[in-house]
Amino acid sequence: MPSKYPVLKPNEVIKRLESFGFFKVSQKGSHLKLSNGTRVCIIPMHDEIARGTLKSILEQANISLEKFLNEE
């Protein structure tokens, strides 16, 4: 059964998280730290973000997949 989580570029994920109030805090190597003041998400700045990694990021951010995908 195919995963409902898409494979996205890091910049797409960052842009959508910023629309939810997240902002860049710091970067160490290839990992960017975003925060909204209470929650912290770590975004790997690789070519693509794998499905499982995206699921973990959304769990850290407390954002549902449906809400995340509908945010433009």
PDB file of N, CA and C in Angstrom:
ATOM      1  N   MET A   1       0.841  -1.175   0.000  1.00  0.00           N
ATOM      2  CA  MET A   1       0.000   0.000   0.000  1.00  0.00           C
ATOM      3  C   MET A   1       0.889   1.242   0.000  1.00  0.00           C
ATOM      4  N   PRO A   2       0.686   2.155  -0.928  1.00  0.00           N
ATOM      5  CA  PRO A   2       1.537   3.341  -0.998  1.00  0.00           C
ATOM      6  C   PRO A   2       1.304   4.292   0.180  1.00  0.00           C
ATOM      7  N   SER A   3       2.354   4.985   0.541  1.00  0.00           N
ATOM      8  CA  SER A   3       2.266   5.940   1.642  1.00  0.00           C
ATOM      9  C   SER A   3       1.508   7.184   1.201  1.00  0.00           C
ATOM     10  N   LYS A   4       0.744   7.766   2.128  1.00  0.00           N
ATOM     11  CA  LYS A   4       0.029   8.999   1.810  1.00  0.00           C
ATOM     12  C   LYS A   4       0.931  10.228   1.958  1.00  0.00           C
ATOM     13  N   TYR A   5       2.114  10.023   2.532  1.00  0.00           N
ATOM     14  CA  TYR A   5       3.053  11.126   2.690  1.00  0.00           C
ATOM     15  C   TYR A   5       3.862  11.304   1.412  1.00  0.00           C
ATOM     16  N   PRO A   6       3.927  12.518   0.871  1.00  0.00           N
ATOM     17  CA  PRO A   6       4.699  12.742  -0.357  1.00  0.00           C
ATOM     18  C   PRO A   6       6.187  12.940  -0.067  1.00  0.00           C
ATOM     19  N   VAL A   7       6.997  12.798  -1.088  1.00  0.00           N
ATOM     20  CA  VAL A   7       8.419  13.134  -1.011  1.00  0.00           C
ATOM     21  C   VAL A   7       8.530  14.583  -1.470  1.00  0.00           C
ATOM     22  N   LEU A   8       9.042  15.464  -0.610  1.00  0.00           N
ATOM     23  CA  LEU A   8       9.115  16.892  -0.914  1.00  0.00           C
ATOM     24  C   LEU A   8      10.546  17.401  -0.787  1.00  0.00           C
ATOM     25  N   LYS A   9      10.801  18.536  -1.398  1.00  0.00           N
ATOM     26  CA  LYS A   9      12.081  19.227  -1.252  1.00  0.00           C
ATOM     27  C   LYS A   9      12.068  19.966   0.094  1.00  0.00           C
ATOM     28  N   PRO A  10      13.221  20.133   0.725  1.00  0.00           N
ATOM     29  CA  PRO A  10      13.274  20.830   2.012  1.00  0.00           C
ATOM     30  C   PRO A  10      12.683  22.243   1.950  1.00  0.00           C
ATOM     31  N   ASN A  11      12.931  22.976   0.857  1.00  0.00           N
ATOM     32  CA  ASN A  11      12.413  24.341   0.769  1.00  0.00           C
ATOM     33  C   ASN A  11      10.896  24.386   0.754  1.00  0.00           C
ATOM     34  N   GLU A  12      10.248  23.372   0.176  1.00  0.00           N
ATOM     35  CA  GLU A  12       8.792  23.303   0.178  1.00  0.00           C
ATOM     36  C   GLU A  12       8.274  23.101   1.605  1.00  0.00           C
ATOM     37  N   VAL A  13       8.919  22.211   2.349  1.00  0.00           N
ATOM     38  CA  VAL A  13       8.511  21.939   3.727  1.00  0.00           C
ATOM     39  C   VAL A  13       8.714  23.184   4.587  1.00  0.00           C
ATOM     40  N   ILE A  14       9.854  23.860   4.425  1.00  0.00           N
ATOM     41  CA  ILE A  14      10.146  25.063   5.204  1.00  0.00           C
ATOM     42  C   ILE A  14       9.115  26.150   4.913  1.00  0.00           C
ATOM     43  N   LYS A  15       8.807  26.365   3.644  1.00  0.00           N
ATOM     44  CA  LYS A  15       7.836  27.390   3.252  1.00  0.00           C
ATOM     45  C   LYS A  15       6.474  27.129   3.893  1.00  0.00           C
ATOM     46  N   ARG A  16       6.046  25.874   3.868  1.00  0.00           N
ATOM     47  CA  ARG A  16       4.739  25.535   4.448  1.00  0.00           C
ATOM     48  C   ARG A  16       4.758  25.662   5.969  1.00  0.00           C
ATOM     49  N   LEU A  17       5.856  25.252   6.609  1.00  0.00           N
ATOM     50  CA  LEU A  17       5.942  25.391   8.065  1.00  0.00           C
ATOM     51  C   LEU A  17       5.968  26.868   8.466  1.00  0.00           C
ATOM     52  N   GLU A  18       6.627  27.704   7.665  1.00  0.00           N
ATOM     53  CA  GLU A  18       6.647  29.140   7.964  1.00  0.00           C
ATOM     54  C   GLU A  18       5.244  29.724   7.898  1.00  0.00           C
ATOM     55  N   SER A  19       4.388  29.189   7.037  1.00  0.00           N
ATOM     56  CA  SER A  19       3.012  29.676   6.964  1.00  0.00           C
ATOM     57  C   SER A  19       2.219  29.288   8.215  1.00  0.00           C
ATOM     58  N   PHE A  20       2.717  28.319   8.986  1.00  0.00           N
ATOM     59  CA  PHE A  20       2.100  27.938  10.253  1.00  0.00           C
ATOM     60  C   PHE A  20       2.739  28.662  11.432  1.00  0.00           C
ATOM     61  N   GLY A  21       3.614  29.631  11.165  1.00  0.00           N
ATOM     62  CA  GLY A  21       4.214  30.420  12.232  1.00  0.00           C
ATOM     63  C   GLY A  21       5.593  29.973  12.675  1.00  0.00           C
ATOM     64  N   PHE A  22       6.191  29.020  11.984  1.00  0.00           N
ATOM     65  CA  PHE A  22       7.543  28.583  12.326  1.00  0.00           C
ATOM     66  C   PHE A  22       8.560  29.536  11.705  1.00  0.00           C
ATOM     67  N   PHE A  23       9.690  29.683  12.365  1.00  0.00           N
ATOM     68  CA  PHE A  23      10.753  30.552  11.871  1.00  0.00           C
ATOM     69  C   PHE A  23      12.091  29.869  12.094  1.00  0.00           C
ATOM     70  N   LYS A  24      13.083  30.285  11.299  1.00  0.00           N
ATOM     71  CA  LYS A  24      14.418  29.684  11.374  1.00  0.00           C
ATOM     72  C   LYS A  24      15.111  30.131  12.654  1.00  0.00           C
ATOM     73  N   VAL A  25      15.664  29.156  13.370  1.00  0.00           N
ATOM     74  CA  VAL A  25      16.363  29.441  14.617  1.00  0.00           C
ATOM     75  C   VAL A  25      17.868  29.316  14.413  1.00  0.00           C
ATOM     76  N   SER A  26      18.299  28.183  13.842  1.00  0.00           N
ATOM     77  CA  SER A  26      19.723  27.953  13.626  1.00  0.00           C
ATOM     78  C   SER A  26      19.905  26.831  12.627  1.00  0.00           C
ATOM     79  N   GLN A  27      21.152  26.667  12.203  1.00  0.00           N
ATOM     80  CA  GLN A  27      21.485  25.569  11.314  1.00  0.00           C
ATOM     81  C   GLN A  27      22.841  25.035  11.717  1.00  0.00           C
ATOM     82  N   LYS A  28      22.931  23.715  11.786  1.00  0.00           N
ATOM     83  CA  LYS A  28      24.205  23.078  12.101  1.00  0.00           C
ATOM     84  C   LYS A  28      24.413  22.003  11.051  1.00  0.00           C
ATOM     85  N   GLY A  29      25.389  22.210  10.207  1.00  0.00           N
ATOM     86  CA  GLY A  29      25.626  21.273   9.118  1.00  0.00           C
ATOM     87  C   GLY A  29      24.467  21.301   8.146  1.00  0.00           C
ATOM     88  N   SER A  30      23.912  20.137   7.858  1.00  0.00           N
ATOM     89  CA  SER A  30      22.820  20.067   6.888  1.00  0.00           C
ATOM     90  C   SER A  30      21.445  19.977   7.564  1.00  0.00           C
ATOM     91  N   HIS A  31      21.355  20.377   8.833  1.00  0.00           N
ATOM     92  CA  HIS A  31      20.085  20.319   9.537  1.00  0.00           C
ATOM     93  C   HIS A  31      19.681  21.707  10.023  1.00  0.00           C
ATOM     94  N   LEU A  32      18.482  22.113   9.620  1.00  0.00           N
ATOM     95  CA  LEU A  32      17.934  23.427   9.957  1.00  0.00           C
ATOM     96  C   LEU A  32      16.939  23.274  11.094  1.00  0.00           C
ATOM     97  N   LYS A  33      17.027  24.136  12.083  1.00  0.00           N
ATOM     98  CA  LYS A  33      16.116  24.108  13.213  1.00  0.00           C
ATOM     99  C   LYS A  33      15.078  25.210  13.044  1.00  0.00           C
ATOM    100  N   LEU A  34      13.794  24.827  13.078  1.00  0.00           N
ATOM    101  CA  LEU A  34      12.684  25.771  13.020  1.00  0.00           C
ATOM    102  C   LEU A  34      11.929  25.708  14.335  1.00  0.00           C
ATOM    103  N   SER A  35      11.330  26.830  14.728  1.00  0.00           N
ATOM    104  CA  SER A  35      10.542  26.878  15.957  1.00  0.00           C
ATOM    105  C   SER A  35       9.354  27.801  15.760  1.00  0.00           C
ATOM    106  N   ASN A  36       8.315  27.573  16.541  1.00  0.00           N
ATOM    107  CA  ASN A  36       7.194  28.506  16.567  1.00  0.00           C
ATOM    108  C   ASN A  36       7.078  29.139  17.944  1.00  0.00           C
ATOM    109  N   GLY A  37       8.102  29.016  18.751  1.00  0.00           N
ATOM    110  CA  GLY A  37       8.113  29.556  20.097  1.00  0.00           C
ATOM    111  C   GLY A  37       7.912  28.482  21.150  1.00  0.00           C
ATOM    112  N   THR A  38       7.144  27.430  20.820  1.00  0.00           N
ATOM    113  CA  THR A  38       6.921  26.341  21.772  1.00  0.00           C
ATOM    114  C   THR A  38       7.395  24.998  21.229  1.00  0.00           C
ATOM    115  N   ARG A  39       7.289  24.799  19.931  1.00  0.00           N
ATOM    116  CA  ARG A  39       7.691  23.534  19.306  1.00  0.00           C
ATOM    117  C   ARG A  39       8.913  23.752  18.421  1.00  0.00           C
ATOM    118  N   VAL A  40       9.721  22.700  18.305  1.00  0.00           N
ATOM    119  CA  VAL A  40      10.933  22.757  17.488  1.00  0.00           C
ATOM    120  C   VAL A  40      10.888  21.620  16.470  1.00  0.00           C
ATOM    121  N   CYS A  41      11.238  21.923  15.229  1.00  0.00           N
ATOM    122  CA  CYS A  41      11.320  20.925  14.157  1.00  0.00           C
ATOM    123  C   CYS A  41      12.707  20.980  13.548  1.00  0.00           C
ATOM    124  N   ILE A  42      13.259  19.831  13.263  1.00  0.00           N
ATOM    125  CA  ILE A  42      14.560  19.738  12.598  1.00  0.00           C
ATOM    126  C   ILE A  42      14.317  19.296  11.159  1.00  0.00           C
ATOM    127  N   ILE A  43      14.799  20.081  10.203  1.00  0.00           N
ATOM    128  CA  ILE A  43      14.609  19.798   8.786  1.00  0.00           C
ATOM    129  C   ILE A  43      15.960  19.436   8.171  1.00  0.00           C
ATOM    130  N   PRO A  44      16.101  18.216   7.618  1.00  0.00           N
ATOM    131  CA  PRO A  44      17.344  17.872   6.935  1.00  0.00           C
ATOM    132  C   PRO A  44      17.387  18.566   5.574  1.00  0.00           C
ATOM    133  N   MET A  45      18.460  19.263   5.285  1.00  0.00           N
ATOM    134  CA  MET A  45      18.602  20.005   4.032  1.00  0.00           C
ATOM    135  C   MET A  45      19.279  19.134   2.983  1.00  0.00           C
ATOM    136  N   HIS A  46      18.648  18.000   2.676  1.00  0.00           N
ATOM    137  CA  HIS A  46      19.156  17.081   1.667  1.00  0.00           C
ATOM    138  C   HIS A  46      18.379  17.310   0.377  1.00  0.00           C
ATOM    139  N   ASP A  47      18.609  16.510  -0.638  1.00  0.00           N
ATOM    140  CA  ASP A  47      17.909  16.677  -1.919  1.00  0.00           C
ATOM    141  C   ASP A  47      16.404  16.546  -1.753  1.00  0.00           C
ATOM    142  N   GLU A  48      15.971  15.556  -0.996  1.00  0.00           N
ATOM    143  CA  GLU A  48      14.556  15.300  -0.761  1.00  0.00           C
ATOM    144  C   GLU A  48      14.364  14.896   0.686  1.00  0.00           C
ATOM    145  N   ILE A  49      13.148  15.132   1.185  1.00  0.00           N
ATOM    146  CA  ILE A  49      12.791  14.679   2.525  1.00  0.00           C
ATOM    147  C   ILE A  49      11.957  13.416   2.358  1.00  0.00           C
ATOM    148  N   ALA A  50      12.422  12.329   2.917  1.00  0.00           N
ATOM    149  CA  ALA A  50      11.745  11.039   2.786  1.00  0.00           C
ATOM    150  C   ALA A  50      10.382  11.063   3.473  1.00  0.00           C
ATOM    151  N   ARG A  51       9.524  10.134   3.086  1.00  0.00           N
ATOM    152  CA  ARG A  51       8.160  10.083   3.621  1.00  0.00           C
ATOM    153  C   ARG A  51       8.135   9.950   5.137  1.00  0.00           C
ATOM    154  N   GLY A  52       8.940   9.042   5.664  1.00  0.00           N
ATOM    155  CA  GLY A  52       8.985   8.823   7.105  1.00  0.00           C
ATOM    156  C   GLY A  52       9.525  10.027   7.857  1.00  0.00           C
ATOM    157  N   THR A  53      10.470  10.710   7.251  1.00  0.00           N
ATOM    158  CA  THR A  53      11.034  11.921   7.863  1.00  0.00           C
ATOM    159  C   THR A  53       9.988  13.022   7.893  1.00  0.00           C
ATOM    160  N   LEU A  54       9.218  13.166   6.814  1.00  0.00           N
ATOM    161  CA  LEU A  54       8.143  14.162   6.784  1.00  0.00           C
ATOM    162  C   LEU A  54       7.110  13.858   7.859  1.00  0.00           C
ATOM    163  N   LYS A  55       6.779  12.595   8.025  1.00  0.00           N
ATOM    164  CA  LYS A  55       5.822  12.209   9.073  1.00  0.00           C
ATOM    165  C   LYS A  55       6.342  12.628  10.447  1.00  0.00           C
ATOM    166  N   SER A  56       7.628  12.402  10.695  1.00  0.00           N
ATOM    167  CA  SER A  56       8.242  12.775  11.970  1.00  0.00           C
ATOM    168  C   SER A  56       8.236  14.292  12.167  1.00  0.00           C
ATOM    169  N   ILE A  57       8.533  15.032  11.107  1.00  0.00           N
ATOM    170  CA  ILE A  57       8.539  16.496  11.179  1.00  0.00           C
ATOM    171  C   ILE A  57       7.146  17.011  11.536  1.00  0.00           C
ATOM    172  N   LEU A  58       6.126  16.456  10.900  1.00  0.00           N
ATOM    173  CA  LEU A  58       4.757  16.902  11.171  1.00  0.00           C
ATOM    174  C   LEU A  58       4.320  16.534  12.586  1.00  0.00           C
ATOM    175  N   GLU A  59       4.796  15.408  13.090  1.00  0.00           N
ATOM    176  CA  GLU A  59       4.500  15.040  14.482  1.00  0.00           C
ATOM    177  C   GLU A  59       5.176  16.022  15.435  1.00  0.00           C
ATOM    178  N   GLN A  60       6.418  16.412  15.134  1.00  0.00           N
ATOM    179  CA  GLN A  60       7.118  17.395  15.968  1.00  0.00           C
ATOM    180  C   GLN A  60       6.375  18.724  15.965  1.00  0.00           C
ATOM    181  N   ALA A  61       5.833  19.099  14.795  1.00  0.00           N
ATOM    182  CA  ALA A  61       5.148  20.383  14.645  1.00  0.00           C
ATOM    183  C   ALA A  61       3.701  20.327  15.119  1.00  0.00           C
ATOM    184  N   ASN A  62       3.176  19.119  15.364  1.00  0.00           N
ATOM    185  CA  ASN A  62       1.787  18.920  15.752  1.00  0.00           C
ATOM    186  C   ASN A  62       0.826  19.449  14.678  1.00  0.00           C
ATOM    187  N   ILE A  63       1.113  19.101  13.423  1.00  0.00           N
ATOM    188  CA  ILE A  63       0.305  19.505  12.270  1.00  0.00           C
ATOM    189  C   ILE A  63      -0.121  18.240  11.539  1.00  0.00           C
ATOM    190  N   SER A  64      -1.400  18.129  11.212  1.00  0.00           N
ATOM    191  CA  SER A  64      -1.877  16.958  10.470  1.00  0.00           C
ATOM    192  C   SER A  64      -1.417  17.042   9.017  1.00  0.00           C
ATOM    193  N   LEU A  65      -1.308  15.888   8.375  1.00  0.00           N
ATOM    194  CA  LEU A  65      -0.882  15.836   6.983  1.00  0.00           C
ATOM    195  C   LEU A  65      -1.862  16.593   6.090  1.00  0.00           C
ATOM    196  N   GLU A  66      -3.150  16.427   6.328  1.00  0.00           N
ATOM    197  CA  GLU A  66      -4.162  17.093   5.514  1.00  0.00           C
ATOM    198  C   GLU A  66      -4.024  18.617   5.621  1.00  0.00           C
ATOM    199  N   LYS A  67      -3.875  19.095   6.831  1.00  0.00           N
ATOM    200  CA  LYS A  67      -3.722  20.544   7.044  1.00  0.00           C
ATOM    201  C   LYS A  67      -2.440  21.059   6.377  1.00  0.00           C
ATOM    202  N   PHE A  68      -1.368  20.280   6.502  1.00  0.00           N
ATOM    203  CA  PHE A  68      -0.077  20.651   5.930  1.00  0.00           C
ATOM    204  C   PHE A  68      -0.152  20.712   4.404  1.00  0.00           C
ATOM    205  N   LEU A  69      -0.768  19.716   3.775  1.00  0.00           N
ATOM    206  CA  LEU A  69      -0.843  19.666   2.312  1.00  0.00           C
ATOM    207  C   LEU A  69      -1.793  20.702   1.737  1.00  0.00           C
ATOM    208  N   ASN A  70      -2.798  21.117   2.488  1.00  0.00           N
ATOM    209  CA  ASN A  70      -3.755  22.114   1.991  1.00  0.00           C
ATOM    210  C   ASN A  70      -3.270  23.536   2.196  1.00  0.00           C
ATOM    211  N   GLU A  71      -2.180  23.710   2.940  1.00  0.00           N
ATOM    212  CA  GLU A  71      -1.626  25.068   3.167  1.00  0.00           C
ATOM    213  C   GLU A  71      -0.810  25.473   1.956  1.00  0.00           C
ATOM    214  N   GLU A  72      -1.183  26.565   1.352  1.00  0.00           N
ATOM    215  CA  GLU A  72      -0.444  27.057   0.165  1.00  0.00           C
ATOM    216  C   GLU A  72       0.112  28.428   0.439  1.00  0.00           C
TER     217      GLU A  72
END
